[in-house]
Amino acid sequence: LRHVWLTEGRLCSIDNEIGSQRDHRCAQRYLRAQLEMLPNATVVAF
């Protein structure tokens, strides 16, 4: 865990987690800032 950061595109659960429901506000506010803090890391989107 010193070498890995586990995170989410959006930080809250949603009712239909298997569906295609998306809201980009969370990623724009939190995920962007997280990735900017870790410019040397390889980012893998699952």
All heavy atoms as atom14 arrays in JSON, in Angstrom:
{
  "sequence": "LRHVWLTEGRLCSIDNEIGSQRDHRCAQRYLRAQLEMLPNATVVAF",
  "atom14_mask": [
    [1, 1, 1, 1, 1, 1, 1, 1, 0, 0, 0, 0, 0, 0],
    [1, 1, 1, 1, 1, 1, 1, 1, 1, 1, 1, 0, 0, 0],
    [1, 1, 1, 1, 1, 1, 1, 1, 1, 1, 0, 0, 0, 0],
    [1, 1, 1, 1, 1, 1, 1, 0, 0, 0, 0, 0, 0, 0],
    [1, 1, 1, 1, 1, 1, 1, 1, 1, 1, 1, 1, 1, 1],
    [1, 1, 1, 1, 1, 1, 1, 1, 0, 0, 0, 0, 0, 0],
    [1, 1, 1, 1, 1, 1, 1, 0, 0, 0, 0, 0, 0, 0],
    [1, 1, 1, 1, 1, 1, 1, 1, 1, 0, 0, 0, 0, 0],
    [1, 1, 1, 1, 0, 0, 0, 0, 0, 0, 0, 0, 0, 0],
    [1, 1, 1, 1, 1, 1, 1, 1, 1, 1, 1, 0, 0, 0],
    [1, 1, 1, 1, 1, 1, 1, 1, 0, 0, 0, 0, 0, 0],
    [1, 1, 1, 1, 1, 1, 0, 0, 0, 0, 0, 0, 0, 0],
    [1, 1, 1, 1, 1, 1, 0, 0, 0, 0, 0, 0, 0, 0],
    [1, 1, 1, 1, 1, 1, 1, 1, 0, 0, 0, 0, 0, 0],
    [1, 1, 1, 1, 1, 1, 1, 1, 0, 0, 0, 0, 0, 0],
    [1, 1, 1, 1, 1, 1, 1, 1, 0, 0, 0, 0, 0, 0],
    [1, 1, 1, 1, 1, 1, 1, 1, 1, 0, 0, 0, 0, 0],
    [1, 1, 1, 1, 1, 1, 1, 1, 0, 0, 0, 0, 0, 0],
    [1, 1, 1, 1, 0, 0, 0, 0, 0, 0, 0, 0, 0, 0],
    [1, 1, 1, 1, 1, 1, 0, 0, 0, 0, 0, 0, 0, 0],
    [1, 1, 1, 1, 1, 1, 1, 1, 1, 0, 0, 0, 0, 0],
    [1, 1, 1, 1, 1, 1, 1, 1, 1, 1, 1, 0, 0, 0],
    [1, 1, 1, 1, 1, 1, 1, 1, 0, 0, 0, 0, 0, 0],
    [1, 1, 1, 1, 1, 1, 1, 1, 1, 1, 0, 0, 0, 0],
    [1, 1, 1, 1, 1, 1, 1, 1, 1, 1, 1, 0, 0, 0],
    [1, 1, 1, 1, 1, 1, 0, 0, 0, 0, 0, 0, 0, 0],
    [1, 1, 1, 1, 1, 0, 0, 0, 0, 0, 0, 0, 0, 0],
    [1, 1, 1, 1, 1, 1, 1, 1, 1, 0, 0, 0, 0, 0],
    [1, 1, 1, 1, 1, 1, 1, 1, 1, 1, 1, 0, 0, 0],
    [1, 1, 1, 1, 1, 1, 1, 1, 1, 1, 1, 1, 0, 0],
    [1, 1, 1, 1, 1, 1, 1, 1, 0, 0, 0, 0, 0, 0],
    [1, 1, 1, 1, 1, 1, 1, 1, 1, 1, 1, 0, 0, 0],
    [1, 1, 1, 1, 1, 0, 0, 0, 0, 0, 0, 0, 0, 0],
    [1, 1, 1, 1, 1, 1, 1, 1, 1, 0, 0, 0, 0, 0],
    [1, 1, 1, 1, 1, 1, 1, 1, 0, 0, 0, 0, 0, 0],
    [1, 1, 1, 1, 1, 1, 1, 1, 1, 0, 0, 0, 0, 0],
    [1, 1, 1, 1, 1, 1, 1, 1, 0, 0, 0, 0, 0, 0],
    [1, 1, 1, 1, 1, 1, 1, 1, 0, 0, 0, 0, 0, 0],
    [1, 1, 1, 1, 1, 1, 1, 0, 0, 0, 0, 0, 0, 0],
    [1, 1, 1, 1, 1, 1, 1, 1, 0, 0, 0, 0, 0, 0],
    [1, 1, 1, 1, 1, 0, 0, 0, 0, 0, 0, 0, 0, 0],
    [1, 1, 1, 1, 1, 1, 1, 0, 0, 0, 0, 0, 0, 0],
    [1, 1, 1, 1, 1, 1, 1, 0, 0, 0, 0, 0, 0, 0],
    [1, 1, 1, 1, 1, 1, 1, 0, 0, 0, 0, 0, 0, 0],
    [1, 1, 1, 1, 1, 0, 0, 0, 0, 0, 0, 0, 0, 0],
    [1, 1, 1, 1, 1, 1, 1, 1, 1, 1, 1, 0, 0, 0]
  ],
  "atom14_positions": [
    [[0.8, -1.22, 0.0], [0.0, 0.0, 0.0], [0.84, 1.28, 0.0], [0.32, 2.35, -0.29], [-0.96, 0.01, 1.19], [-2.12, -0.99, 1.11], [-2.93, -0.97, 2.39], [-3.01, -0.69, -0.09], [0.0, 0.0, 0.0], [0.0, 0.0, 0.0], [0.0, 0.0, 0.0], [0.0, 0.0, 0.0], [0.0, 0.0, 0.0], [0.0, 0.0, 0.0]],
    [[2.11, 1.18, 0.29], [3.0, 2.34, 0.14], [3.17, 2.73, -1.32], [3.43, 3.89, -1.64], [4.37, 2.05, 0.75], [4.4, 1.93, 2.26], [5.82, 1.71, 2.74], [6.71, 2.79, 2.33], [6.92, 3.9, 3.03], [6.28, 4.08, 4.18], [7.75, 4.83, 2.59], [0.0, 0.0, 0.0], [0.0, 0.0, 0.0], [0.0, 0.0, 0.0]],
    [[3.01, 1.75, -2.21], [3.31, 1.95, -3.62], [2.07, 2.0, -4.5], [2.18, 2.19, -5.72], [4.22, 0.82, -4.1], [5.46, 0.66, -3.27], [6.52, 1.54, -3.35], [5.78, -0.26, -2.33], [7.46, 1.16, -2.49], [7.04, 0.08, -1.86], [0.0, 0.0, 0.0], [0.0, 0.0, 0.0], [0.0, 0.0, 0.0], [0.0, 0.0, 0.0]],
    [[0.89, 1.82, -3.9], [-0.35, 1.74, -4.68], [-1.4, 2.68, -4.08], [-1.51, 2.79, -2.85], [-0.9, 0.29, -4.68], [-2.18, 0.21, -5.5], [0.14, -0.68, -5.23], [0.0, 0.0, 0.0], [0.0, 0.0, 0.0], [0.0, 0.0, 0.0], [0.0, 0.0, 0.0], [0.0, 0.0, 0.0], [0.0, 0.0, 0.0], [0.0, 0.0, 0.0]],
    [[-2.16, 3.33, -4.94], [-3.31, 4.12, -4.51], [-4.54, 3.52, -5.19], [-4.62, 3.46, -6.42], [-3.13, 5.58, -4.87], [-4.32, 6.46, -4.55], [-5.05, 7.2, -5.42], [-4.89, 6.7, -3.26], [-6.05, 7.89, -4.76], [-5.97, 7.59, -3.43], [-4.6, 6.23, -1.97], [-6.75, 8.04, -2.36], [-5.38, 6.67, -0.91], [-6.43, 7.56, -1.11]],
    [[-5.47, 3.03, -4.4], [-6.73, 2.47, -4.89], [-7.79, 3.56, -4.77], [-7.96, 4.15, -3.7], [-7.15, 1.26, -4.04], [-6.09, 0.19, -3.78], [-6.62, -0.84, -2.79], [-5.69, -0.48, -5.07], [0.0, 0.0, 0.0], [0.0, 0.0, 0.0], [0.0, 0.0, 0.0], [0.0, 0.0, 0.0], [0.0, 0.0, 0.0], [0.0, 0.0, 0.0]],
    [[-8.52, 3.82, -5.85], [-9.51, 4.89, -5.78], [-10.65, 4.64, -6.77], [-10.65, 3.64, -7.48], [-8.85, 6.27, -6.02], [-9.77, 7.3, -5.69], [-8.39, 6.42, -7.46], [0.0, 0.0, 0.0], [0.0, 0.0, 0.0], [0.0, 0.0, 0.0], [0.0, 0.0, 0.0], [0.0, 0.0, 0.0], [0.0, 0.0, 0.0], [0.0, 0.0, 0.0]],
    [[-11.61, 5.55, -6.79], [-12.82, 5.4, -7.59], [-13.03, 6.6, -8.51], [-12.63, 7.71, -8.18], [-14.04, 5.29, -6.66], [-13.89, 4.33, -5.5], [-14.12, 2.88, -5.88], [-14.59, 2.64, -7.01], [-13.86, 1.99, -5.05], [0.0, 0.0, 0.0], [0.0, 0.0, 0.0], [0.0, 0.0, 0.0], [0.0, 0.0, 0.0], [0.0, 0.0, 0.0]],
    [[-13.71, 6.36, -9.63], [-14.07, 7.47, -10.51], [-15.06, 8.4, -9.84], [-15.03, 9.61, -10.02], [0.0, 0.0, 0.0], [0.0, 0.0, 0.0], [0.0, 0.0, 0.0], [0.0, 0.0, 0.0], [0.0, 0.0, 0.0], [0.0, 0.0, 0.0], [0.0, 0.0, 0.0], [0.0, 0.0, 0.0], [0.0, 0.0, 0.0], [0.0, 0.0, 0.0]],
    [[-15.98, 7.81, -9.08], [-16.86, 8.59, -8.22], [-16.89, 7.91, -6.86], [-16.83, 6.68, -6.77], [-18.26, 8.75, -8.81], [-19.0, 7.48, -9.11], [-20.33, 7.74, -9.8], [-21.26, 8.49, -8.94], [-22.49, 8.85, -9.33], [-22.91, 8.58, -10.56], [-23.29, 9.5, -8.52], [0.0, 0.0, 0.0], [0.0, 0.0, 0.0], [0.0, 0.0, 0.0]],
    [[-16.95, 8.67, -5.81], [-16.69, 8.16, -4.47], [-17.91, 7.61, -3.75], [-17.78, 7.12, -2.63], [-16.06, 9.27, -3.61], [-14.76, 9.87, -4.15], [-14.25, 10.97, -3.23], [-13.69, 8.79, -4.33], [0.0, 0.0, 0.0], [0.0, 0.0, 0.0], [0.0, 0.0, 0.0], [0.0, 0.0, 0.0], [0.0, 0.0, 0.0], [0.0, 0.0, 0.0]],
    [[-19.08, 7.68, -4.35], [-20.3, 7.2, -3.7], [-20.88, 5.99, -4.43], [-20.79, 5.88, -5.66], [-21.36, 8.3, -3.67], [-20.92, 9.69, -2.61], [0.0, 0.0, 0.0], [0.0, 0.0, 0.0], [0.0, 0.0, 0.0], [0.0, 0.0, 0.0], [0.0, 0.0, 0.0], [0.0, 0.0, 0.0], [0.0, 0.0, 0.0], [0.0, 0.0, 0.0]],
    [[-21.51, 5.1, -3.68], [-22.26, 4.0, -4.28], [-23.45, 4.55, -5.05], [-23.96, 5.63, -4.75], [-22.79, 3.06, -3.19], [-21.74, 2.52, -2.44], [0.0, 0.0, 0.0], [0.0, 0.0, 0.0], [0.0, 0.0, 0.0], [0.0, 0.0, 0.0], [0.0, 0.0, 0.0], [0.0, 0.0, 0.0], [0.0, 0.0, 0.0], [0.0, 0.0, 0.0]],
    [[-23.88, 3.8, -6.05], [-25.1, 4.15, -6.77], [-26.02, 2.93, -6.78], [-25.57, 1.8, -6.58], [-24.81, 4.63, -8.21], [-24.1, 3.54, -9.02], [-23.99, 5.89, -8.18], [-23.89, 3.92, -10.48], [0.0, 0.0, 0.0], [0.0, 0.0, 0.0], [0.0, 0.0, 0.0], [0.0, 0.0, 0.0], [0.0, 0.0, 0.0], [0.0, 0.0, 0.0]],
    [[-27.31, 3.15, -7.01], [-28.27, 2.05, -6.93], [-27.99, 0.96, -7.96], [-27.98, -0.22, -7.64], [-29.7, 2.59, -7.12], [-30.14, 3.46, -5.95], [-29.58, 3.28, -4.86], [-31.0, 4.32, -6.15], [0.0, 0.0, 0.0], [0.0, 0.0, 0.0], [0.0, 0.0, 0.0], [0.0, 0.0, 0.0], [0.0, 0.0, 0.0], [0.0, 0.0, 0.0]],
    [[-27.76, 1.37, -9.21], [-27.56, 0.41, -10.28], [-26.08, 0.38, -10.65], [-25.66, 0.96, -11.65], [-28.42, 0.76, -11.5], [-28.35, -0.29, -12.58], [-27.85, -1.39, -12.36], [-28.85, 0.04, -13.76], [0.0, 0.0, 0.0], [0.0, 0.0, 0.0], [0.0, 0.0, 0.0], [0.0, 0.0, 0.0], [0.0, 0.0, 0.0], [0.0, 0.0, 0.0]],
    [[-25.28, -0.33, -9.86], [-23.84, -0.3, -10.06], [-23.4, -1.05, -11.31], [-22.3, -0.85, -11.81], [-23.11, -0.86, -8.84], [-23.5, -2.27, -8.46], [-22.8, -2.72, -7.19], [-21.63, -2.35, -6.99], [-23.41, -3.45, -6.4], [0.0, 0.0, 0.0], [0.0, 0.0, 0.0], [0.0, 0.0, 0.0], [0.0, 0.0, 0.0], [0.0, 0.0, 0.0]],
    [[-24.25, -1.94, -11.84], [-23.89, -2.7, -13.04], [-24.26, -1.92, -14.3], [-23.72, -2.16, -15.37], [-24.56, -4.09, -13.03], [-24.05, -4.9, -11.82], [-24.29, -4.86, -14.3], [-24.7, -6.25, -11.67], [0.0, 0.0, 0.0], [0.0, 0.0, 0.0], [0.0, 0.0, 0.0], [0.0, 0.0, 0.0], [0.0, 0.0, 0.0], [0.0, 0.0, 0.0]],
    [[-25.13, -0.96, -14.19], [-25.58, -0.2, -15.36], [-24.56, 0.84, -15.8], [-23.43, 0.88, -15.32], [0.0, 0.0, 0.0], [0.0, 0.0, 0.0], [0.0, 0.0, 0.0], [0.0, 0.0, 0.0], [0.0, 0.0, 0.0], [0.0, 0.0, 0.0], [0.0, 0.0, 0.0], [0.0, 0.0, 0.0], [0.0, 0.0, 0.0], [0.0, 0.0, 0.0]],
    [[-25.0, 1.69, -16.71], [-24.09, 2.67, -17.3], [-24.23, 4.06, -16.68], [-23.74, 5.04, -17.25], [-24.34, 2.77, -18.82], [-25.68, 3.16, -19.07], [0.0, 0.0, 0.0], [0.0, 0.0, 0.0], [0.0, 0.0, 0.0], [0.0, 0.0, 0.0], [0.0, 0.0, 0.0], [0.0, 0.0, 0.0], [0.0, 0.0, 0.0], [0.0, 0.0, 0.0]],
    [[-24.9, 4.15, -15.55], [-25.11, 5.45, -14.9], [-23.76, 6.1, -14.57], [-22.91, 5.51, -13.92], [-25.91, 5.24, -13.62], [-26.1, 6.48, -12.77], [-27.0, 7.5, -13.43], [-26.54, 8.33, -14.2], [-28.28, 7.45, -13.13], [0.0, 0.0, 0.0], [0.0, 0.0, 0.0], [0.0, 0.0, 0.0], [0.0, 0.0, 0.0], [0.0, 0.0, 0.0]],
    [[-23.59, 7.33, -15.04], [-22.34, 8.04, -14.82], [-22.63, 9.5, -14.48], [-23.58, 10.08, -14.98], [-21.44, 7.98, -16.06], [-21.1, 6.55, -16.45], [-20.35, 6.48, -17.77], [-20.32, 5.09, -18.22], [-19.7, 4.67, -19.3], [-19.05, 5.53, -20.06], [-19.71, 3.4, -19.64], [0.0, 0.0, 0.0], [0.0, 0.0, 0.0], [0.0, 0.0, 0.0]],
    [[-21.8, 10.05, -13.64], [-21.86, 11.48, -13.34], [-20.42, 11.92, -13.17], [-19.71, 11.39, -12.31], [-22.67, 11.75, -12.09], [-23.0, 13.22, -11.93], [-22.06, 14.03, -12.0], [-24.19, 13.55, -11.74], [0.0, 0.0, 0.0], [0.0, 0.0, 0.0], [0.0, 0.0, 0.0], [0.0, 0.0, 0.0], [0.0, 0.0, 0.0], [0.0, 0.0, 0.0]],
    [[-19.97, 12.86, -13.98], [-18.55, 13.19, -14.04], [-18.13, 14.27, -13.05], [-16.94, 14.63, -12.99], [-18.17, 13.59, -15.46], [-18.29, 12.48, -16.45], [-19.47, 12.19, -17.11], [-17.4, 11.55, -16.87], [-19.28, 11.15, -17.91], [-18.05, 10.74, -17.78], [0.0, 0.0, 0.0], [0.0, 0.0, 0.0], [0.0, 0.0, 0.0], [0.0, 0.0, 0.0]],
    [[-19.07, 14.79, -12.28], [-18.71, 15.86, -11.34], [-17.67, 15.39, -10.33], [-16.73, 16.12, -10.0], [-19.96, 16.35, -10.6], [-20.98, 17.06, -11.48], [-22.19, 17.46, -10.66], [-23.23, 18.09, -11.46], [-24.15, 17.44, -12.14], [-24.17, 16.12, -12.11], [-25.06, 18.1, -12.84], [0.0, 0.0, 0.0], [0.0, 0.0, 0.0], [0.0, 0.0, 0.0]],
    [[-17.85, 14.18, -9.82], [-16.95, 13.67, -8.78], [-15.54, 13.5, -9.34], [-14.56, 13.88, -8.7], [-17.48, 12.35, -8.23], [-16.65, 11.81, -6.72], [0.0, 0.0, 0.0], [0.0, 0.0, 0.0], [0.0, 0.0, 0.0], [0.0, 0.0, 0.0], [0.0, 0.0, 0.0], [0.0, 0.0, 0.0], [0.0, 0.0, 0.0], [0.0, 0.0, 0.0]],
    [[-15.44, 12.92, -10.53], [-14.13, 12.72, -11.14], [-13.44, 14.06, -11.39], [-12.23, 14.2, -11.16], [-14.26, 11.92, -12.44], [0.0, 0.0, 0.0], [0.0, 0.0, 0.0], [0.0, 0.0, 0.0], [0.0, 0.0, 0.0], [0.0, 0.0, 0.0], [0.0, 0.0, 0.0], [0.0, 0.0, 0.0], [0.0, 0.0, 0.0], [0.0, 0.0, 0.0]],
    [[-14.21, 15.02, -11.85], [-13.62, 16.33, -12.13], [-13.12, 17.0, -10.85], [-12.09, 17.68, -10.87], [-14.65, 17.23, -12.82], [-14.99, 16.82, -14.24], [-13.85, 17.04, -15.21], [-12.91, 17.77, -14.93], [-13.92, 16.4, -16.36], [0.0, 0.0, 0.0], [0.0, 0.0, 0.0], [0.0, 0.0, 0.0], [0.0, 0.0, 0.0], [0.0, 0.0, 0.0]],
    [[-13.84, 16.79, -9.76], [-13.45, 17.46, -8.51], [-12.39, 16.7, -7.73], [-11.42, 17.3, -7.25], [-14.68, 17.66, -7.63], [-14.36, 18.29, -6.29], [-15.59, 18.67, -5.53], [-15.25, 19.3, -4.26], [-16.14, 19.77, -3.39], [-17.44, 19.69, -3.68], [-15.76, 20.32, -2.25], [0.0, 0.0, 0.0], [0.0, 0.0, 0.0], [0.0, 0.0, 0.0]],
    [[-12.56, 15.37, -7.6], [-11.67, 14.6, -6.72], [-10.64, 13.76, -7.47], [-9.46, 13.77, -7.11], [-12.51, 13.7, -5.81], [-13.36, 14.46, -4.83], [-14.74, 14.56, -5.01], [-12.8, 15.09, -3.73], [-15.53, 15.28, -4.13], [-13.58, 15.81, -2.83], [-14.95, 15.89, -3.04], [-15.71, 16.61, -2.16], [0.0, 0.0, 0.0], [0.0, 0.0, 0.0]],
    [[-11.07, 13.02, -8.5], [-10.13, 12.13, -9.17], [-9.04, 12.94, -9.87], [-7.86, 12.58, -9.81], [-10.86, 11.23, -10.16], [-9.97, 10.22, -10.91], [-9.26, 9.29, -9.93], [-10.81, 9.41, -11.91], [0.0, 0.0, 0.0], [0.0, 0.0, 0.0], [0.0, 0.0, 0.0], [0.0, 0.0, 0.0], [0.0, 0.0, 0.0], [0.0, 0.0, 0.0]],
    [[-9.42, 14.01, -10.54], [-8.42, 14.84, -11.22], [-7.35, 15.3, -10.23], [-6.14, 15.2, -10.5], [-9.07, 16.05, -11.87], [-8.06, 16.99, -12.54], [-8.74, 18.25, -13.06], [-9.68, 17.96, -14.11], [-9.34, 17.76, -15.38], [-8.05, 17.78, -15.72], [-10.26, 17.52, -16.29], [0.0, 0.0, 0.0], [0.0, 0.0, 0.0], [0.0, 0.0, 0.0]],
    [[-7.77, 15.8, -9.08], [-6.82, 16.3, -8.08], [-5.93, 15.18, -7.55], [-4.73, 15.37, -7.32], [-7.56, 16.97, -6.94], [0.0, 0.0, 0.0], [0.0, 0.0, 0.0], [0.0, 0.0, 0.0], [0.0, 0.0, 0.0], [0.0, 0.0, 0.0], [0.0, 0.0, 0.0], [0.0, 0.0, 0.0], [0.0, 0.0, 0.0], [0.0, 0.0, 0.0]],
    [[-6.52, 13.98, -7.36], [-5.71, 12.85, -6.9], [-4.61, 12.52, -7.9], [-3.45, 12.32, -7.54], [-6.6, 11.63, -6.7], [-7.6, 11.74, -5.56], [-8.58, 10.59, -5.58], [-8.21, 9.42, -5.51], [-9.86, 10.92, -5.69], [0.0, 0.0, 0.0], [0.0, 0.0, 0.0], [0.0, 0.0, 0.0], [0.0, 0.0, 0.0], [0.0, 0.0, 0.0]],
    [[-4.98, 12.43, -9.17], [-4.01, 12.05, -10.19], [-2.94, 13.12, -10.37], [-1.77, 12.8, -10.65], [-4.72, 11.77, -11.52], [-5.76, 10.64, -11.49], [-6.32, 10.4, -12.89], [-5.17, 9.36, -10.92], [0.0, 0.0, 0.0], [0.0, 0.0, 0.0], [0.0, 0.0, 0.0], [0.0, 0.0, 0.0], [0.0, 0.0, 0.0], [0.0, 0.0, 0.0]],
    [[-3.31, 14.36, -10.2], [-2.33, 15.44, -10.3], [-1.29, 15.36, -9.18], [-0.16, 15.82, -9.35], [-3.03, 16.79, -10.3], [-3.78, 17.08, -11.6], [-4.59, 18.36, -11.56], [-4.74, 18.94, -10.44], [-5.08, 18.8, -12.62], [0.0, 0.0, 0.0], [0.0, 0.0, 0.0], [0.0, 0.0, 0.0], [0.0, 0.0, 0.0], [0.0, 0.0, 0.0]],
    [[-1.68, 14.8, -8.05], [-0.74, 14.63, -6.94], [0.22, 13.47, -7.17], [1.23, 13.35, -6.47], [-1.51, 14.37, -5.64], [-2.3, 15.54, -5.14], [-3.2, 15.08, -3.61], [-4.35, 16.44, -3.49], [0.0, 0.0, 0.0], [0.0, 0.0, 0.0], [0.0, 0.0, 0.0], [0.0, 0.0, 0.0], [0.0, 0.0, 0.0], [0.0, 0.0, 0.0]],
    [[-0.1, 12.61, -8.15], [0.68, 11.38, -8.36], [1.14, 11.29, -9.82], [0.86, 10.31, -10.52], [-0.18, 10.17, -8.0], [-0.71, 10.15, -6.56], [-1.83, 9.14, -6.41], [0.43, 9.84, -5.59], [0.0, 0.0, 0.0], [0.0, 0.0, 0.0], [0.0, 0.0, 0.0], [0.0, 0.0, 0.0], [0.0, 0.0, 0.0], [0.0, 0.0, 0.0]],
    [[1.86, 12.28, -10.3], [2.22, 12.32, -11.73], [3.19, 11.24, -12.16], [3.32, 10.96, -13.36], [2.83, 13.72, -11.89], [3.4, 14.03, -10.53], [2.43, 13.42, -9.56], [0.0, 0.0, 0.0], [0.0, 0.0, 0.0], [0.0, 0.0, 0.0], [0.0, 0.0, 0.0], [0.0, 0.0, 0.0], [0.0, 0.0, 0.0], [0.0, 0.0, 0.0]],
    [[3.9, 10.62, -11.22], [4.88, 9.59, -11.57], [4.29, 8.19, -11.61], [4.97, 7.24, -11.99], [6.05, 9.62, -10.58], [6.79, 10.94, -10.6], [6.94, 11.57, -11.65], [7.25, 11.38, -9.44], [0.0, 0.0, 0.0], [0.0, 0.0, 0.0], [0.0, 0.0, 0.0], [0.0, 0.0, 0.0], [0.0, 0.0, 0.0], [0.0, 0.0, 0.0]],
    [[3.04, 8.05, -11.21], [2.41, 6.73, -11.13], [1.77, 6.35, -12.45], [1.29, 7.21, -13.2], [1.37, 6.71, -10.01], [0.0, 0.0, 0.0], [0.0, 0.0, 0.0], [0.0, 0.0, 0.0], [0.0, 0.0, 0.0], [0.0, 0.0, 0.0], [0.0, 0.0, 0.0], [0.0, 0.0, 0.0], [0.0, 0.0, 0.0], [0.0, 0.0, 0.0]],
    [[1.73, 5.05, -12.72], [0.97, 4.53, -13.85], [-0.48, 4.42, -13.43], [-0.79, 3.81, -12.4], [1.49, 3.15, -14.28], [2.84, 3.27, -14.73], [0.64, 2.57, -15.41], [0.0, 0.0, 0.0], [0.0, 0.0, 0.0], [0.0, 0.0, 0.0], [0.0, 0.0, 0.0], [0.0, 0.0, 0.0], [0.0, 0.0, 0.0], [0.0, 0.0, 0.0]],
    [[-1.39, 5.0, -14.21], [-2.81, 4.97, -13.91], [-3.46, 3.86, -14.73], [-3.35, 3.84, -15.95], [-3.47, 6.33, -14.25], [-4.98, 6.26, -14.0], [-2.83, 7.45, -13.45], [0.0, 0.0, 0.0], [0.0, 0.0, 0.0], [0.0, 0.0, 0.0], [0.0, 0.0, 0.0], [0.0, 0.0, 0.0], [0.0, 0.0, 0.0], [0.0, 0.0, 0.0]],
    [[-4.13, 2.93, -14.05], [-4.86, 1.86, -14.72], [-6.34, 2.03, -14.42], [-6.75, 2.04, -13.25], [-4.39, 0.46, -14.27], [-5.13, -0.62, -15.07], [-2.89, 0.31, -14.45], [0.0, 0.0, 0.0], [0.0, 0.0, 0.0], [0.0, 0.0, 0.0], [0.0, 0.0, 0.0], [0.0, 0.0, 0.0], [0.0, 0.0, 0.0], [0.0, 0.0, 0.0]],
    [[-7.14, 2.18, -15.47], [-8.6, 2.32, -15.34], [-9.23, 0.96, -15.6], [-9.06, 0.39, -16.68], [-9.13, 3.35, -16.32], [0.0, 0.0, 0.0], [0.0, 0.0, 0.0], [0.0, 0.0, 0.0], [0.0, 0.0, 0.0], [0.0, 0.0, 0.0], [0.0, 0.0, 0.0], [0.0, 0.0, 0.0], [0.0, 0.0, 0.0], [0.0, 0.0, 0.0]],
    [[-9.94, 0.44, -14.62], [-10.53, -0.89, -14.7], [-12.02, -0.8, -15.02], [-12.81, -0.34, -14.2], [-10.33, -1.64, -13.38], [-8.89, -1.98, -13.1], [-8.08, -1.12, -12.37], [-8.34, -3.17, -13.56], [-6.76, -1.42, -12.1], [-7.02, -3.48, -13.31], [-6.21, -2.61, -12.58], [0.0, 0.0, 0.0], [0.0, 0.0, 0.0], [0.0, 0.0, 0.0]]
  ]
}
